[in-house]
Amino acid sequence: MKCFQEKFADNCEELTILRNFRDSFVSAEDIDHYYKMAPIIVEVINNIENNDAIYEYIYQNIVKVCVNAIKKGDYEFKYNRYKSSVITLEEQFARPVLEQKFIKVLKFNLN
């Protein structure tokens, strides 16, 4: 949501709804995983030219869809959408960075 700062405040409806859902329904393990992966995902996306399209896709297909599901009381759909979205974003954006870091650590430890 940071990329949409000019449109959304930190206490906007979307973030308030998502935070309430997180605090009530998301496991501590999933929250911990999200906070480890999200900064890597955001950093990679921020370094992509024309990343506005990626963020717009994430907003329309993850944030907005999840907020609507929560409003309808469809918590299971929201949770599944959240989990699959994080995994997809992680695979696409974070995994290559993590693999490079891992390879550097292995090379360093072997020398």
C-alpha atoms as a PDB file:
ATOM      1  CA  MET A   1       0.000   0.000   0.000  1.00  0.00           C
ATOM      2  CA  LYS A   2       3.011   2.309   0.360  1.00  0.00           C
ATOM      3  CA  CYS A   3       3.117   2.792  -3.391  1.00  0.00           C
ATOM      4  CA  PHE A   4      -0.426   4.171  -3.185  1.00  0.00           C
ATOM      5  CA  GLN A   5       0.330   6.616  -0.341  1.00  0.00           C
ATOM      6  CA  GLU A   6      -1.196   9.504  -2.232  1.00  0.00           C
ATOM      7  CA  LYS A   7      -4.503   7.587  -2.441  1.00  0.00           C
ATOM      8  CA  PHE A   8      -4.581   5.739   0.876  1.00  0.00           C
ATOM      9  CA  ALA A   9      -3.722   6.797   4.415  1.00  0.00           C
ATOM     10  CA  ASP A  10      -2.137   4.369   6.869  1.00  0.00           C
ATOM     11  CA  ASN A  11      -5.507   4.057   8.596  1.00  0.00           C
ATOM     12  CA  CYS A  12      -7.528   3.640   5.384  1.00  0.00           C
ATOM     13  CA  GLU A  13     -10.413   1.190   5.268  1.00  0.00           C
ATOM     14  CA  GLU A  14      -8.438  -1.479   3.392  1.00  0.00           C
ATOM     15  CA  LEU A  15      -5.531  -1.525   5.826  1.00  0.00           C
ATOM     16  CA  THR A  16      -7.796  -1.370   8.862  1.00  0.00           C
ATOM     17  CA  ILE A  17      -9.834  -4.347   7.631  1.00  0.00           C
ATOM     18  CA  LEU A  18      -6.738  -6.350   6.701  1.00  0.00           C
ATOM     19  CA  ARG A  19      -5.008  -5.627  10.015  1.00  0.00           C
ATOM     20  CA  ASN A  20      -8.092  -6.657  11.978  1.00  0.00           C
ATOM     21  CA  PHE A  21      -8.258  -9.890   9.989  1.00  0.00           C
ATOM     22  CA  ARG A  22      -4.534 -10.507  10.532  1.00  0.00           C
ATOM     23  CA  ASP A  23      -4.818  -9.944  14.261  1.00  0.00           C
ATOM     24  CA  SER A  24      -7.890 -12.176  14.599  1.00  0.00           C
ATOM     25  CA  PHE A  25      -7.381 -15.025  12.117  1.00  0.00           C
ATOM     26  CA  VAL A  26      -3.820 -15.319  10.798  1.00  0.00           C
ATOM     27  CA  SER A  27      -1.426 -17.668  12.573  1.00  0.00           C
ATOM     28  CA  ALA A  28       1.679 -16.240  14.238  1.00  0.00           C
ATOM     29  CA  GLU A  29       3.780 -18.440  11.947  1.00  0.00           C
ATOM     30  CA  ASP A  30       2.175 -16.963   8.811  1.00  0.00           C
ATOM     31  CA  ILE A  31       2.554 -13.420  10.137  1.00  0.00           C
ATOM     32  CA  ASP A  32       6.220 -14.023  10.932  1.00  0.00           C
ATOM     33  CA  HIS A  33       6.789 -15.480   7.468  1.00  0.00           C
ATOM     34  CA  TYR A  34       5.053 -12.527   5.830  1.00  0.00           C
ATOM     35  CA  TYR A  35       7.199  -9.989   7.696  1.00  0.00           C
ATOM     36  CA  LYS A  36      10.352 -11.824   6.617  1.00  0.00           C
ATOM     37  CA  MET A  37       9.345 -12.103   2.949  1.00  0.00           C
ATOM     38  CA  ALA A  38       7.432  -8.871   2.302  1.00  0.00           C
ATOM     39  CA  PRO A  39      10.448  -6.530   2.522  1.00  0.00           C
ATOM     40  CA  ILE A  40      12.352  -8.671   0.018  1.00  0.00           C
ATOM     41  CA  ILE A  41       9.376  -8.816  -2.352  1.00  0.00           C
ATOM     42  CA  VAL A  42       8.852  -5.046  -2.132  1.00  0.00           C
ATOM     43  CA  GLU A  43      12.552  -4.322  -2.656  1.00  0.00           C
ATOM     44  CA  VAL A  44      12.646  -6.446  -5.798  1.00  0.00           C
ATOM     45  CA  ILE A  45       9.435  -4.945  -7.190  1.00  0.00           C
ATOM     46  CA  ASN A  46      10.669  -1.424  -6.417  1.00  0.00           C
ATOM     47  CA  ASN A  47      13.728  -2.095  -8.572  1.00  0.00           C
ATOM     48  CA  ILE A  48      11.629  -3.126 -11.573  1.00  0.00           C
ATOM     49  CA  GLU A  49      10.982  -0.451 -14.164  1.00  0.00           C
ATOM     50  CA  ASN A  50       7.298   0.468 -14.462  1.00  0.00           C
ATOM     51  CA  ASN A  51       6.483  -1.327 -11.204  1.00  0.00           C
ATOM     52  CA  ASP A  52       3.211   0.614 -10.965  1.00  0.00           C
ATOM     53  CA  ALA A  53       1.552  -2.074 -13.065  1.00  0.00           C
ATOM     54  CA  ILE A  54       2.710  -4.790 -10.666  1.00  0.00           C
ATOM     55  CA  TYR A  55       1.454  -2.880  -7.643  1.00  0.00           C
ATOM     56  CA  GLU A  56      -1.854  -2.134  -9.363  1.00  0.00           C
ATOM     57  CA  TYR A  57      -2.249  -5.858 -10.110  1.00  0.00           C
ATOM     58  CA  ILE A  58      -1.498  -6.722  -6.471  1.00  0.00           C
ATOM     59  CA  TYR A  59      -4.007  -4.147  -5.265  1.00  0.00           C
ATOM     60  CA  GLN A  60      -6.789  -5.212  -7.641  1.00  0.00           C
ATOM     61  CA  ASN A  61      -6.262  -8.978  -7.387  1.00  0.00           C
ATOM     62  CA  ILE A  62      -5.109  -9.472  -3.816  1.00  0.00           C
ATOM     63  CA  VAL A  63      -5.843  -6.491  -1.561  1.00  0.00           C
ATOM     64  CA  LYS A  64      -9.202  -5.521  -3.008  1.00  0.00           C
ATOM     65  CA  VAL A  65     -10.373  -9.132  -3.427  1.00  0.00           C
ATOM     66  CA  CYS A  66      -9.367 -10.005   0.136  1.00  0.00           C
ATOM     67  CA  VAL A  67     -11.022  -6.909   1.614  1.00  0.00           C
ATOM     68  CA  ASN A  68     -14.253  -7.735  -0.240  1.00  0.00           C
ATOM     69  CA  ALA A  69     -14.120 -11.337   0.980  1.00  0.00           C
ATOM     70  CA  ILE A  70     -13.683 -10.159   4.578  1.00  0.00           C
ATOM     71  CA  LYS A  71     -16.609  -7.753   4.239  1.00  0.00           C
ATOM     72  CA  LYS A  72     -18.752 -10.683   3.047  1.00  0.00           C
ATOM     73  CA  GLY A  73     -17.557 -12.857   5.933  1.00  0.00           C
ATOM     74  CA  ASP A  74     -15.788 -15.290   3.628  1.00  0.00           C
ATOM     75  CA  TYR A  75     -12.744 -15.660   5.856  1.00  0.00           C
ATOM     76  CA  GLU A  76     -11.666 -19.023   4.483  1.00  0.00           C
ATOM     77  CA  PHE A  77     -11.510 -17.677   0.922  1.00  0.00           C
ATOM     78  CA  LYS A  78      -9.582 -14.627   2.130  1.00  0.00           C
ATOM     79  CA  TYR A  79      -7.076 -16.704   4.078  1.00  0.00           C
ATOM     80  CA  ASN A  80      -6.514 -19.073   1.160  1.00  0.00           C
ATOM     81  CA  ARG A  81      -6.155 -16.157  -1.262  1.00  0.00           C
ATOM     82  CA  TYR A  82      -3.685 -14.493   1.073  1.00  0.00           C
ATOM     83  CA  LYS A  83      -1.590 -17.644   1.501  1.00  0.00           C
ATOM     84  CA  SER A  84      -1.490 -18.476  -2.202  1.00  0.00           C
ATOM     85  CA  SER A  85      -0.699 -14.860  -3.091  1.00  0.00           C
ATOM     86  CA  VAL A  86       2.211 -14.649  -0.659  1.00  0.00           C
ATOM     87  CA  ILE A  87       3.607 -17.930  -1.992  1.00  0.00           C
ATOM     88  CA  THR A  88       3.260 -16.761  -5.603  1.00  0.00           C
ATOM     89  CA  LEU A  89       4.881 -13.372  -4.913  1.00  0.00           C
ATOM     90  CA  GLU A  90       7.624 -15.076  -2.932  1.00  0.00           C
ATOM     91  CA  GLU A  91       8.369 -17.511  -5.757  1.00  0.00           C
ATOM     92  CA  GLN A  92       8.367 -14.798  -8.375  1.00  0.00           C
ATOM     93  CA  PHE A  93      10.223 -12.022  -6.584  1.00  0.00           C
ATOM     94  CA  ALA A  94      11.921 -13.197  -3.364  1.00  0.00           C
ATOM     95  CA  ARG A  95      13.190 -16.643  -4.269  1.00  0.00           C
ATOM     96  CA  PRO A  96      15.810 -15.507  -6.808  1.00  0.00           C
ATOM     97  CA  VAL A  97      17.237 -13.024  -4.284  1.00  0.00           C
ATOM     98  CA  LEU A  98      17.277 -15.598  -1.495  1.00  0.00           C
ATOM     99  CA  GLU A  99      18.964 -18.160  -3.747  1.00  0.00           C
ATOM    100  CA  GLN A 100      21.688 -15.660  -4.656  1.00  0.00           C
ATOM    101  CA  LYS A 101      22.298 -14.875  -0.970  1.00  0.00           C
ATOM    102  CA  PHE A 102      22.401 -18.571  -0.127  1.00  0.00           C
ATOM    103  CA  ILE A 103      24.913 -19.280  -2.905  1.00  0.00           C
ATOM    104  CA  LYS A 104      27.140 -16.422  -1.660  1.00  0.00           C
ATOM    105  CA  VAL A 105      27.045 -17.822   1.870  1.00  0.00           C
ATOM    106  CA  LEU A 106      27.904 -21.313   0.619  1.00  0.00           C
ATOM    107  CA  LYS A 107      30.814 -19.991  -1.444  1.00  0.00           C
ATOM    108  CA  PHE A 108      32.065 -17.954   1.499  1.00  0.00           C
ATOM    109  CA  ASN A 109      31.871 -20.948   3.841  1.00  0.00           C
ATOM    110  CA  LEU A 110      33.670 -23.212   1.355  1.00  0.00           C
ATOM    111  CA  ASN A 111      36.634 -20.871   0.968  1.00  0.00           C
END
